[in-house]
Amino acid sequence: MTDHSTYEFLRQMADSWGLLAMLISFLILALWPFRPGAQERNEQAANAIFEDQNDGE
C-alpha cells in the first residue's frame, strides 16, 4: 500500500464512518439530559446557583 492509497483510504473512512460516529456522539450528548432518570439531577444543577447565598458575609 502506497502513501497515496493509505491517505485515500483514511480520508474515505473519516468521511463516512467518522461522520457517523460524530453524529451518534452528538445525539447521545444532546439527548442525555432529557432521559427519564435525570430530572432530579437537572433540577439540582439548575438551583445550585441559589444555594449558599450568604457564604462569607
N, C-alpha and C. Protein backbone atom coordinates (compact mmCIF):
# COMPACT_ATOMS: atom_id res chain seq x y z
N MET A 1 0.84 -1.17 0.00
CA MET A 1 0.00 0.00 0.00
C MET A 1 0.89 1.24 0.00
N THR A 2 0.66 2.11 -0.94
CA THR A 2 1.49 3.31 -1.04
C THR A 2 0.94 4.40 -0.13
N ASP A 3 1.73 5.47 0.00
CA ASP A 3 1.30 6.58 0.84
C ASP A 3 0.01 7.21 0.33
N HIS A 4 -0.10 7.32 -0.99
CA HIS A 4 -1.28 7.94 -1.57
C HIS A 4 -2.53 7.10 -1.31
N SER A 5 -2.43 5.81 -1.47
CA SER A 5 -3.61 4.97 -1.25
C SER A 5 -3.96 4.89 0.24
N THR A 6 -2.96 4.96 1.11
CA THR A 6 -3.24 4.99 2.55
C THR A 6 -4.00 6.26 2.91
N TYR A 7 -3.56 7.37 2.34
CA TYR A 7 -4.25 8.64 2.59
C TYR A 7 -5.69 8.58 2.09
N GLU A 8 -5.88 8.09 0.89
CA GLU A 8 -7.23 8.00 0.33
C GLU A 8 -8.12 7.09 1.18
N PHE A 9 -7.58 5.99 1.64
CA PHE A 9 -8.35 5.07 2.48
C PHE A 9 -8.76 5.74 3.79
N LEU A 10 -7.82 6.40 4.44
CA LEU A 10 -8.12 7.06 5.71
C LEU A 10 -9.11 8.21 5.51
N ARG A 11 -8.98 8.91 4.39
CA ARG A 11 -9.91 10.00 4.10
C ARG A 11 -11.33 9.47 3.89
N GLN A 12 -11.47 8.39 3.17
CA GLN A 12 -12.78 7.81 2.94
C GLN A 12 -13.39 7.30 4.25
N MET A 13 -12.57 6.71 5.10
CA MET A 13 -13.07 6.24 6.39
C MET A 13 -13.55 7.42 7.24
N ALA A 14 -12.79 8.50 7.25
CA ALA A 14 -13.18 9.67 8.04
C ALA A 14 -14.44 10.31 7.46
N ASP A 15 -14.57 10.33 6.14
CA ASP A 15 -15.75 10.93 5.52
C ASP A 15 -17.02 10.14 5.82
N SER A 16 -16.91 8.84 5.92
CA SER A 16 -18.12 8.04 6.11
C SER A 16 -18.31 7.66 7.58
N TRP A 17 -17.46 6.81 8.10
CA TRP A 17 -17.62 6.30 9.46
C TRP A 17 -17.31 7.35 10.51
N GLY A 18 -16.38 8.24 10.23
CA GLY A 18 -16.07 9.31 11.18
C GLY A 18 -17.25 10.25 11.36
N LEU A 19 -17.90 10.59 10.25
CA LEU A 19 -19.08 11.45 10.32
C LEU A 19 -20.20 10.75 11.07
N LEU A 20 -20.39 9.49 10.82
CA LEU A 20 -21.43 8.73 11.53
C LEU A 20 -21.14 8.67 13.02
N ALA A 21 -19.88 8.43 13.39
CA ALA A 21 -19.50 8.37 14.81
C ALA A 21 -19.72 9.71 15.49
N MET A 22 -19.38 10.81 14.81
CA MET A 22 -19.59 12.14 15.40
C MET A 22 -21.08 12.45 15.54
N LEU A 23 -21.89 12.04 14.58
CA LEU A 23 -23.33 12.26 14.65
C LEU A 23 -23.94 11.49 15.81
N ILE A 24 -23.56 10.25 15.97
CA ILE A 24 -24.08 9.43 17.08
C ILE A 24 -23.64 10.02 18.42
N SER A 25 -22.39 10.43 18.52
CA SER A 25 -21.90 11.04 19.76
C SER A 25 -22.67 12.32 20.08
N PHE A 26 -22.91 13.14 19.08
CA PHE A 26 -23.65 14.38 19.29
C PHE A 26 -25.06 14.08 19.78
N LEU A 27 -25.73 13.14 19.15
CA LEU A 27 -27.10 12.82 19.54
C LEU A 27 -27.17 12.29 20.98
N ILE A 28 -26.22 11.44 21.34
CA ILE A 28 -26.20 10.92 22.71
C ILE A 28 -25.99 12.04 23.72
N LEU A 29 -25.02 12.92 23.45
CA LEU A 29 -24.74 14.01 24.39
C LEU A 29 -25.86 15.05 24.43
N ALA A 30 -26.51 15.29 23.30
CA ALA A 30 -27.58 16.28 23.27
C ALA A 30 -28.84 15.77 23.95
N LEU A 31 -29.09 14.47 23.88
CA LEU A 31 -30.31 13.91 24.46
C LEU A 31 -30.12 13.38 25.88
N TRP A 32 -28.90 13.30 26.36
CA TRP A 32 -28.61 12.76 27.68
C TRP A 32 -29.38 13.47 28.80
N PRO A 33 -29.46 14.79 28.84
CA PRO A 33 -30.20 15.45 29.94
C PRO A 33 -31.70 15.18 29.92
N PHE A 34 -32.24 14.71 28.82
CA PHE A 34 -33.67 14.51 28.70
C PHE A 34 -34.11 13.09 29.03
N ARG A 35 -33.19 12.26 29.48
CA ARG A 35 -33.58 10.88 29.82
C ARG A 35 -34.45 10.91 31.08
N PRO A 36 -35.30 9.90 31.27
CA PRO A 36 -36.27 9.92 32.37
C PRO A 36 -35.65 10.05 33.77
N GLY A 37 -34.52 9.43 34.04
CA GLY A 37 -33.95 9.45 35.38
C GLY A 37 -33.13 10.68 35.71
N ALA A 38 -33.03 11.63 34.81
CA ALA A 38 -32.15 12.78 35.01
C ALA A 38 -32.85 14.00 35.59
N GLN A 39 -34.14 13.94 35.81
CA GLN A 39 -34.88 15.13 36.23
C GLN A 39 -34.39 15.68 37.57
N GLU A 40 -34.14 14.81 38.53
CA GLU A 40 -33.70 15.28 39.84
C GLU A 40 -32.33 15.96 39.76
N ARG A 41 -31.41 15.36 39.02
CA ARG A 41 -30.07 15.97 38.89
C ARG A 41 -30.13 17.28 38.13
N ASN A 42 -31.01 17.35 37.13
CA ASN A 42 -31.15 18.60 36.36
C ASN A 42 -31.69 19.71 37.24
N GLU A 43 -32.69 19.41 38.06
CA GLU A 43 -33.24 20.42 38.96
C GLU A 43 -32.22 20.86 39.99
N GLN A 44 -31.43 19.92 40.50
CA GLN A 44 -30.39 20.25 41.47
C GLN A 44 -29.34 21.16 40.84
N ALA A 45 -28.94 20.86 39.61
CA ALA A 45 -27.96 21.69 38.92
C ALA A 45 -28.52 23.08 38.61
N ALA A 46 -29.80 23.15 38.26
CA ALA A 46 -30.42 24.43 37.94
C ALA A 46 -30.53 25.32 39.17
N ASN A 47 -30.73 24.72 40.33
CA ASN A 47 -30.91 25.51 41.55
C ASN A 47 -29.62 25.68 42.35
N ALA A 48 -28.52 25.14 41.90
CA ALA A 48 -27.26 25.19 42.64
C ALA A 48 -26.76 26.63 42.81
N ILE A 49 -27.05 27.50 41.87
CA ILE A 49 -26.55 28.87 41.98
C ILE A 49 -27.27 29.66 43.08
N PHE A 50 -28.42 29.19 43.53
CA PHE A 50 -29.17 29.89 44.55
C PHE A 50 -28.86 29.40 45.96
N GLU A 51 -28.11 28.33 46.08
CA GLU A 51 -27.74 27.80 47.39
C GLU A 51 -26.58 28.57 47.97
N ASP A 52 -26.53 28.66 49.27
CA ASP A 52 -25.42 29.30 49.99
C ASP A 52 -25.17 30.73 49.52
N GLN A 53 -26.23 31.53 49.48
CA GLN A 53 -26.08 32.91 49.02
C GLN A 53 -25.34 33.79 50.03
N ASN A 54 -25.38 33.42 51.31
CA ASN A 54 -24.80 34.26 52.34
C ASN A 54 -23.43 33.77 52.80
N ASP A 55 -22.76 32.94 52.02
CA ASP A 55 -21.43 32.49 52.40
C ASP A 55 -20.45 33.66 52.42
N GLY A 56 -19.68 33.74 53.49
CA GLY A 56 -18.64 34.77 53.58
C GLY A 56 -19.11 36.12 54.07
N GLU A 57 -20.38 36.24 54.41
CA GLU A 57 -20.87 37.55 54.88
C GLU A 57 -20.99 37.56 56.38
